[in-house]
Amino acid sequence: MSGSGLRRLKVDWPACRARGLCAELLPEAVSLDEWGYPVVTADVTPEQVALAQEAVLSCPHVALRLVAVPEPPL
C-alpha cells in the first residue's frame, strides 16, 4: 500500500455485467452510469477499505479489484 493509505477500485470491463452491487456498498466511491455500469468517482480512504473489500468480494463476476494508489514522484 502507498504511504498515503489511499486505494483505488479498478473495474475489469469485459467481466463486468452491471449488477451495481459495488455502488450499493460504496456509493462514496462508485456511481452507476446510465446503463448501470460502475464509474469510480473517488479513491478509497483508509476508513472505507473494509467496505471496498466487501464490494470486491461481493462482485458476482469478479470484475472489481482494490489496488494501492501509487505515490507521486518527488
PDB file of N, CA and C in Angstrom:
ATOM      1  N   MET A   1       0.860  -1.181   0.000  1.00  0.00           N
ATOM      2  CA  MET A   1       0.000   0.000   0.000  1.00  0.00           C
ATOM      3  C   MET A   1       0.892   1.225   0.000  1.00  0.00           C
ATOM      4  N   SER A   2       0.439   2.289  -0.594  1.00  0.00           N
ATOM      5  CA  SER A   2       1.201   3.524  -0.642  1.00  0.00           C
ATOM      6  C   SER A   2       1.206   4.188   0.717  1.00  0.00           C
ATOM      7  N   GLY A   3       2.130   5.132   0.900  1.00  0.00           N
ATOM      8  CA  GLY A   3       2.232   5.849   2.155  1.00  0.00           C
ATOM      9  C   GLY A   3       1.003   6.658   2.476  1.00  0.00           C
ATOM     10  N   SER A   4       0.262   7.088   1.469  1.00  0.00           N
ATOM     11  CA  SER A   4      -0.945   7.883   1.703  1.00  0.00           C
ATOM     12  C   SER A   4      -2.078   7.043   2.272  1.00  0.00           C
ATOM     13  N   GLY A   5      -2.018   5.732   2.076  1.00  0.00           N
ATOM     14  CA  GLY A   5      -3.078   4.862   2.563  1.00  0.00           C
ATOM     15  C   GLY A   5      -4.279   4.799   1.639  1.00  0.00           C
ATOM     16  N   LEU A   6      -4.261   5.563   0.559  1.00  0.00           N
ATOM     17  CA  LEU A   6      -5.387   5.540  -0.376  1.00  0.00           C
ATOM     18  C   LEU A   6      -5.307   4.316  -1.273  1.00  0.00           C
ATOM     19  N   ARG A   7      -6.464   3.824  -1.612  1.00  0.00           N
ATOM     20  CA  ARG A   7      -6.572   2.733  -2.579  1.00  0.00           C
ATOM     21  C   ARG A   7      -7.585   3.138  -3.629  1.00  0.00           C
ATOM     22  N   ARG A   8      -7.603   2.390  -4.712  1.00  0.00           N
ATOM     23  CA  ARG A   8      -8.495   2.712  -5.825  1.00  0.00           C
ATOM     24  C   ARG A   8      -9.155   1.425  -6.301  1.00  0.00           C
ATOM     25  N   LEU A   9     -10.425   1.519  -6.620  1.00  0.00           N
ATOM     26  CA  LEU A   9     -11.132   0.390  -7.217  1.00  0.00           C
ATOM     27  C   LEU A   9     -10.877   0.391  -8.716  1.00  0.00           C
ATOM     28  N   LYS A  10     -10.625  -0.780  -9.261  1.00  0.00           N
ATOM     29  CA  LYS A  10     -10.434  -0.951 -10.701  1.00  0.00           C
ATOM     30  C   LYS A  10     -11.483  -1.934 -11.198  1.00  0.00           C
ATOM     31  N   VAL A  11     -12.064  -1.622 -12.346  1.00  0.00           N
ATOM     32  CA  VAL A  11     -13.106  -2.464 -12.933  1.00  0.00           C
ATOM     33  C   VAL A  11     -12.526  -3.240 -14.110  1.00  0.00           C
ATOM     34  N   ASP A  12     -12.778  -4.534 -14.154  1.00  0.00           N
ATOM     35  CA  ASP A  12     -12.434  -5.377 -15.299  1.00  0.00           C
ATOM     36  C   ASP A  12     -13.630  -5.301 -16.244  1.00  0.00           C
ATOM     37  N   TRP A  13     -13.541  -4.403 -17.225  1.00  0.00           N
ATOM     38  CA  TRP A  13     -14.700  -4.107 -18.078  1.00  0.00           C
ATOM     39  C   TRP A  13     -15.252  -5.312 -18.827  1.00  0.00           C
ATOM     40  N   PRO A  14     -14.427  -6.189 -19.406  1.00  0.00           N
ATOM     41  CA  PRO A  14     -15.022  -7.349 -20.084  1.00  0.00           C
ATOM     42  C   PRO A  14     -15.796  -8.272 -19.144  1.00  0.00           C
ATOM     43  N   ALA A  15     -15.405  -8.323 -17.867  1.00  0.00           N
ATOM     44  CA  ALA A  15     -16.074  -9.206 -16.908  1.00  0.00           C
ATOM     45  C   ALA A  15     -17.317  -8.575 -16.285  1.00  0.00           C
ATOM     46  N   CYS A  16     -17.372  -7.248 -16.223  1.00  0.00           N
ATOM     47  CA  CYS A  16     -18.471  -6.557 -15.536  1.00  0.00           C
ATOM     48  C   CYS A  16     -19.796  -6.775 -16.268  1.00  0.00           C
ATOM     49  N   ARG A  17     -20.842  -7.051 -15.488  1.00  0.00           N
ATOM     50  CA  ARG A  17     -22.184  -7.254 -16.051  1.00  0.00           C
ATOM     51  C   ARG A  17     -23.194  -6.252 -15.501  1.00  0.00           C
ATOM     52  N   ALA A  18     -22.697  -5.158 -14.921  1.00  0.00           N
ATOM     53  CA  ALA A  18     -23.546  -4.037 -14.482  1.00  0.00           C
ATOM     54  C   ALA A  18     -24.597  -4.450 -13.460  1.00  0.00           C
ATOM     55  N   ARG A  19     -24.201  -5.215 -12.461  1.00  0.00           N
ATOM     56  CA  ARG A  19     -25.137  -5.602 -11.401  1.00  0.00           C
ATOM     57  C   ARG A  19     -25.343  -4.478 -10.391  1.00  0.00           C
ATOM     58  N   GLY A  20     -24.306  -3.639 -10.174  1.00  0.00           N
ATOM     59  CA  GLY A  20     -24.449  -2.469  -9.312  1.00  0.00           C
ATOM     60  C   GLY A  20     -24.193  -2.683  -7.836  1.00  0.00           C
ATOM     61  N   LEU A  21     -23.764  -3.869  -7.441  1.00  0.00           N
ATOM     62  CA  LEU A  21     -23.510  -4.115  -6.019  1.00  0.00           C
ATOM     63  C   LEU A  21     -22.412  -3.215  -5.474  1.00  0.00           C
ATOM     64  N   CYS A  22     -21.400  -2.932  -6.276  1.00  0.00           N
ATOM     65  CA  CYS A  22     -20.295  -2.088  -5.814  1.00  0.00           C
ATOM     66  C   CYS A  22     -20.795  -0.690  -5.456  1.00  0.00           C
ATOM     67  N   ALA A  23     -21.691  -0.148  -6.252  1.00  0.00           N
ATOM     68  CA  ALA A  23     -22.230   1.188  -5.968  1.00  0.00           C
ATOM     69  C   ALA A  23     -23.156   1.170  -4.758  1.00  0.00           C
ATOM     70  N   GLU A  24     -23.844   0.070  -4.545  1.00  0.00           N
ATOM     71  CA  GLU A  24     -24.701  -0.040  -3.357  1.00  0.00           C
ATOM     72  C   GLU A  24     -23.870  -0.089  -2.081  1.00  0.00           C
ATOM     73  N   LEU A  25     -22.754  -0.807  -2.131  1.00  0.00           N
ATOM     74  CA  LEU A  25     -21.919  -0.970  -0.943  1.00  0.00           C
ATOM     75  C   LEU A  25     -21.017   0.228  -0.671  1.00  0.00           C
ATOM     76  N   LEU A  26     -20.603   0.933  -1.726  1.00  0.00           N
ATOM     77  CA  LEU A  26     -19.656   2.034  -1.554  1.00  0.00           C
ATOM     78  C   LEU A  26     -20.035   3.226  -2.439  1.00  0.00           C
ATOM     79  N   PRO A  27     -21.177   3.845  -2.169  1.00  0.00           N
ATOM     80  CA  PRO A  27     -21.626   4.960  -3.013  1.00  0.00           C
ATOM     81  C   PRO A  27     -20.713   6.183  -2.942  1.00  0.00           C
ATOM     82  N   GLU A  28     -19.864   6.261  -1.911  1.00  0.00           N
ATOM     83  CA  GLU A  28     -18.930   7.384  -1.811  1.00  0.00           C
ATOM     84  C   GLU A  28     -17.834   7.316  -2.869  1.00  0.00           C
ATOM     85  N   ALA A  29     -17.598   6.136  -3.431  1.00  0.00           N
ATOM     86  CA  ALA A  29     -16.520   5.967  -4.401  1.00  0.00           C
ATOM     87  C   ALA A  29     -16.983   5.444  -5.753  1.00  0.00           C
ATOM     88  N   VAL A  30     -18.223   4.956  -5.836  1.00  0.00           N
ATOM     89  CA  VAL A  30     -18.713   4.362  -7.085  1.00  0.00           C
ATOM     90  C   VAL A  30     -20.125   4.854  -7.370  1.00  0.00           C
ATOM     91  N   SER A  31     -20.334   5.321  -8.592  1.00  0.00           N
ATOM     92  CA  SER A  31     -21.691   5.621  -9.048  1.00  0.00           C
ATOM     93  C   SER A  31     -21.957   4.745 -10.271  1.00  0.00           C
ATOM     94  N   LEU A  32     -23.172   4.776 -10.765  1.00  0.00           N
ATOM     95  CA  LEU A  32     -23.527   3.976 -11.937  1.00  0.00           C
ATOM     96  C   LEU A  32     -23.841   4.888 -13.107  1.00  0.00           C
ATOM     97  N   ASP A  33     -23.400   4.482 -14.293  1.00  0.00           N
ATOM     98  CA  ASP A  33     -23.727   5.271 -15.479  1.00  0.00           C
ATOM     99  C   ASP A  33     -25.155   4.945 -15.937  1.00  0.00           C
ATOM    100  N   GLU A  34     -25.563   5.506 -17.038  1.00  0.00           N
ATOM    101  CA  GLU A  34     -26.949   5.340 -17.497  1.00  0.00           C
ATOM    102  C   GLU A  34     -27.304   3.903 -17.864  1.00  0.00           C
ATOM    103  N   TRP A  35     -26.299   3.042 -18.076  1.00  0.00           N
ATOM    104  CA  TRP A  35     -26.539   1.634 -18.399  1.00  0.00           C
ATOM    105  C   TRP A  35     -26.337   0.729 -17.191  1.00  0.00           C
ATOM    106  N   GLY A  36     -26.017   1.328 -16.036  1.00  0.00           N
ATOM    107  CA  GLY A  36     -25.824   0.558 -14.821  1.00  0.00           C
ATOM    108  C   GLY A  36     -24.407   0.090 -14.567  1.00  0.00           C
ATOM    109  N   TYR A  37     -23.466   0.523 -15.408  1.00  0.00           N
ATOM    110  CA  TYR A  37     -22.067   0.152 -15.204  1.00  0.00           C
ATOM    111  C   TYR A  37     -21.413   1.082 -14.188  1.00  0.00           C
ATOM    112  N   PRO A  38     -20.464   0.557 -13.394  1.00  0.00           N
ATOM    113  CA  PRO A  38     -19.842   1.369 -12.354  1.00  0.00           C
ATOM    114  C   PRO A  38     -18.896   2.420 -12.917  1.00  0.00           C
ATOM    115  N   VAL A  39     -18.915   3.577 -12.277  1.00  0.00           N
ATOM    116  CA  VAL A  39     -17.977   4.655 -12.558  1.00  0.00           C
ATOM    117  C   VAL A  39     -17.288   4.957 -11.234  1.00  0.00           C
ATOM    118  N   VAL A  40     -15.983   4.722 -11.174  1.00  0.00           N
ATOM    119  CA  VAL A  40     -15.235   5.000  -9.951  1.00  0.00           C
ATOM    120  C   VAL A  40     -15.034   6.509  -9.875  1.00  0.00           C
ATOM    121  N   THR A  41     -15.597   7.119  -8.839  1.00  0.00           N
ATOM    122  CA  THR A  41     -15.611   8.578  -8.728  1.00  0.00           C
ATOM    123  C   THR A  41     -14.631   9.122  -7.704  1.00  0.00           C
ATOM    124  N   ALA A  42     -14.060   8.259  -6.870  1.00  0.00           N
ATOM    125  CA  ALA A  42     -13.132   8.720  -5.834  1.00  0.00           C
ATOM    126  C   ALA A  42     -12.247   7.563  -5.387  1.00  0.00           C
ATOM    127  N   ASP A  43     -11.089   7.908  -4.849  1.00  0.00           N
ATOM    128  CA  ASP A  43     -10.232   6.898  -4.240  1.00  0.00           C
ATOM    129  C   ASP A  43     -10.868   6.416  -2.943  1.00  0.00           C
ATOM    130  N   VAL A  44     -10.442   5.259  -2.506  1.00  0.00           N
ATOM    131  CA  VAL A  44     -10.943   4.660  -1.269  1.00  0.00           C
ATOM    132  C   VAL A  44     -10.033   5.101  -0.125  1.00  0.00           C
ATOM    133  N   THR A  45     -10.606   5.708   0.877  1.00  0.00           N
ATOM    134  CA  THR A  45      -9.838   6.148   2.039  1.00  0.00           C
ATOM    135  C   THR A  45      -9.585   4.962   2.969  1.00  0.00           C
ATOM    136  N   PRO A  46      -8.632   5.105   3.888  1.00  0.00           N
ATOM    137  CA  PRO A  46      -8.395   4.006   4.838  1.00  0.00           C
ATOM    138  C   PRO A  46      -9.659   3.606   5.606  1.00  0.00           C
ATOM    139  N   GLU A  47     -10.522   4.556   5.892  1.00  0.00           N
ATOM    140  CA  GLU A  47     -11.765   4.262   6.611  1.00  0.00           C
ATOM    141  C   GLU A  47     -12.762   3.464   5.766  1.00  0.00           C
ATOM    142  N   GLN A  48     -12.621   3.503   4.450  1.00  0.00           N
ATOM    143  CA  GLN A  48     -13.556   2.822   3.551  1.00  0.00           C
ATOM    144  C   GLN A  48     -13.047   1.475   3.054  1.00  0.00           C
ATOM    145  N   VAL A  49     -11.830   1.098   3.437  1.00  0.00           N
ATOM    146  CA  VAL A  49     -11.220  -0.121   2.898  1.00  0.00           C
ATOM    147  C   VAL A  49     -12.072  -1.356   3.166  1.00  0.00           C
ATOM    148  N   ALA A  50     -12.613  -1.498   4.354  1.00  0.00           N
ATOM    149  CA  ALA A  50     -13.421  -2.689   4.669  1.00  0.00           C
ATOM    150  C   ALA A  50     -14.635  -2.788   3.745  1.00  0.00           C
ATOM    151  N   LEU A  51     -15.316  -1.668   3.497  1.00  0.00           N
ATOM    152  CA  LEU A  51     -16.464  -1.681   2.577  1.00  0.00           C
ATOM    153  C   LEU A  51     -16.018  -1.968   1.148  1.00  0.00           C
ATOM    154  N   ALA A  52     -14.877  -1.420   0.759  1.00  0.00           N
ATOM    155  CA  ALA A  52     -14.360  -1.668  -0.589  1.00  0.00           C
ATOM    156  C   ALA A  52     -14.014  -3.142  -0.765  1.00  0.00           C
ATOM    157  N   GLN A  53     -13.411  -3.747   0.245  1.00  0.00           N
ATOM    158  CA  GLN A  53     -13.100  -5.173   0.172  1.00  0.00           C
ATOM    159  C   GLN A  53     -14.377  -6.006   0.097  1.00  0.00           C
ATOM    160  N   GLU A  54     -15.401  -5.590   0.813  1.00  0.00           N
ATOM    161  CA  GLU A  54     -16.694  -6.281   0.736  1.00  0.00           C
ATOM    162  C   GLU A  54     -17.277  -6.167  -0.673  1.00  0.00           C
ATOM    163  N   ALA A  55     -17.146  -4.992  -1.286  1.00  0.00           N
ATOM    164  CA  ALA A  55     -17.630  -4.802  -2.658  1.00  0.00           C
ATOM    165  C   ALA A  55     -16.882  -5.711  -3.622  1.00  0.00           C
ATOM    166  N   VAL A  56     -15.562  -5.805  -3.457  1.00  0.00           N
ATOM    167  CA  VAL A  56     -14.755  -6.675  -4.316  1.00  0.00           C
ATOM    168  C   VAL A  56     -15.208  -8.129  -4.164  1.00  0.00           C
ATOM    169  N   LEU A  57     -15.371  -8.575  -2.935  1.00  0.00           N
ATOM    170  CA  LEU A  57     -15.774  -9.962  -2.689  1.00  0.00           C
ATOM    171  C   LEU A  57     -17.215 -10.242  -3.102  1.00  0.00           C
ATOM    172  N   SER A  58     -18.055  -9.217  -3.133  1.00  0.00           N
ATOM    173  CA  SER A  58     -19.472  -9.385  -3.476  1.00  0.00           C
ATOM    174  C   SER A  58     -19.737  -9.366  -4.973  1.00  0.00           C
ATOM    175  N   CYS A  59     -18.773  -8.921  -5.752  1.00  0.00           N
ATOM    176  CA  CYS A  59     -18.988  -8.829  -7.204  1.00  0.00           C
ATOM    177  C   CYS A  59     -19.210 -10.231  -7.777  1.00  0.00           C
ATOM    178  N   PRO A  60     -20.389 -10.490  -8.345  1.00  0.00           N
ATOM    179  CA  PRO A  60     -20.699 -11.844  -8.814  1.00  0.00           C
ATOM    180  C   PRO A  60     -19.875 -12.283 -10.024  1.00  0.00           C
ATOM    181  N   HIS A  61     -19.239 -11.346 -10.711  1.00  0.00           N
ATOM    182  CA  HIS A  61     -18.455 -11.690 -11.899  1.00  0.00           C
ATOM    183  C   HIS A  61     -16.968 -11.425 -11.709  1.00  0.00           C
ATOM    184  N   VAL A  62     -16.555 -11.205 -10.456  1.00  0.00           N
ATOM    185  CA  VAL A  62     -15.152 -10.977 -10.099  1.00  0.00           C
ATOM    186  C   VAL A  62     -14.554  -9.893 -11.007  1.00  0.00           C
ATOM    187  N   ALA A  63     -15.286  -8.804 -11.159  1.00  0.00           N
ATOM    188  CA  ALA A  63     -14.886  -7.735 -12.069  1.00  0.00           C
ATOM    189  C   ALA A  63     -14.334  -6.511 -11.348  1.00  0.00           C
ATOM    190  N   LEU A  64     -14.090  -6.635 -10.060  1.00  0.00           N
ATOM    191  CA  LEU A  64     -13.651  -5.484  -9.279  1.00  0.00           C
ATOM    192  C   LEU A  64     -12.442  -5.881  -8.444  1.00  0.00           C
ATOM    193  N   ARG A  65     -11.458  -4.976  -8.383  1.00  0.00           N
ATOM    194  CA  ARG A  65     -10.312  -5.220  -7.506  1.00  0.00           C
ATOM    195  C   ARG A  65      -9.895  -3.920  -6.849  1.00  0.00           C
ATOM    196  N   LEU A  66      -9.171  -4.038  -5.775  1.00  0.00           N
ATOM    197  CA  LEU A  66      -8.723  -2.901  -4.986  1.00  0.00           C
ATOM    198  C   LEU A  66      -7.208  -2.832  -5.088  1.00  0.00           C
ATOM    199  N   VAL A  67      -6.689  -1.682  -5.542  1.00  0.00           N
ATOM    200  CA  VAL A  67      -5.242  -1.519  -5.721  1.00  0.00           C
ATOM    201  C   VAL A  67      -4.763  -0.293  -4.957  1.00  0.00           C
ATOM    202  N   ALA A  68      -3.484  -0.282  -4.622  1.00  0.00           N
ATOM    203  CA  ALA A  68      -2.891   0.868  -3.944  1.00  0.00           C
ATOM    204  C   ALA A  68      -2.735   2.019  -4.936  1.00  0.00           C
ATOM    205  N   VAL A  69      -2.950   3.230  -4.458  1.00  0.00           N
ATOM    206  CA  VAL A  69      -2.713   4.421  -5.276  1.00  0.00           C
ATOM    207  C   VAL A  69      -1.214   4.692  -5.232  1.00  0.00           C
ATOM    208  N   PRO A  70      -0.559   4.777  -6.393  1.00  0.00           N
ATOM    209  CA  PRO A  70       0.889   4.997  -6.384  1.00  0.00           C
ATOM    210  C   PRO A  70       1.261   6.366  -5.818  1.00  0.00           C
ATOM    211  N   GLU A  71       2.415   6.404  -5.175  1.00  0.00           N
ATOM    212  CA  GLU A  71       2.945   7.667  -4.652  1.00  0.00           C
ATOM    213  C   GLU A  71       3.353   8.554  -5.829  1.00  0.00           C
ATOM    214  N   PRO A  72       3.093   9.856  -5.754  1.00  0.00           N
ATOM    215  CA  PRO A  72       3.567  10.741  -6.818  1.00  0.00           C
ATOM    216  C   PRO A  72       5.091  10.859  -6.744  1.00  0.00           C
ATOM    217  N   PRO A  73       5.753  11.016  -7.889  1.00  0.00           N
ATOM    218  CA  PRO A  73       7.213  11.156  -7.864  1.00  0.00           C
ATOM    219  C   PRO A  73       7.617  12.453  -7.164  1.00  0.00           C
ATOM    220  N   LEU A  74       8.759  12.421  -6.519  1.00  0.00           N
ATOM    221  CA  LEU A  74       9.260  13.614  -5.821  1.00  0.00           C
ATOM    222  C   LEU A  74       9.882  14.597  -6.770  1.00  0.00           C
TER     223      LEU A  74
END
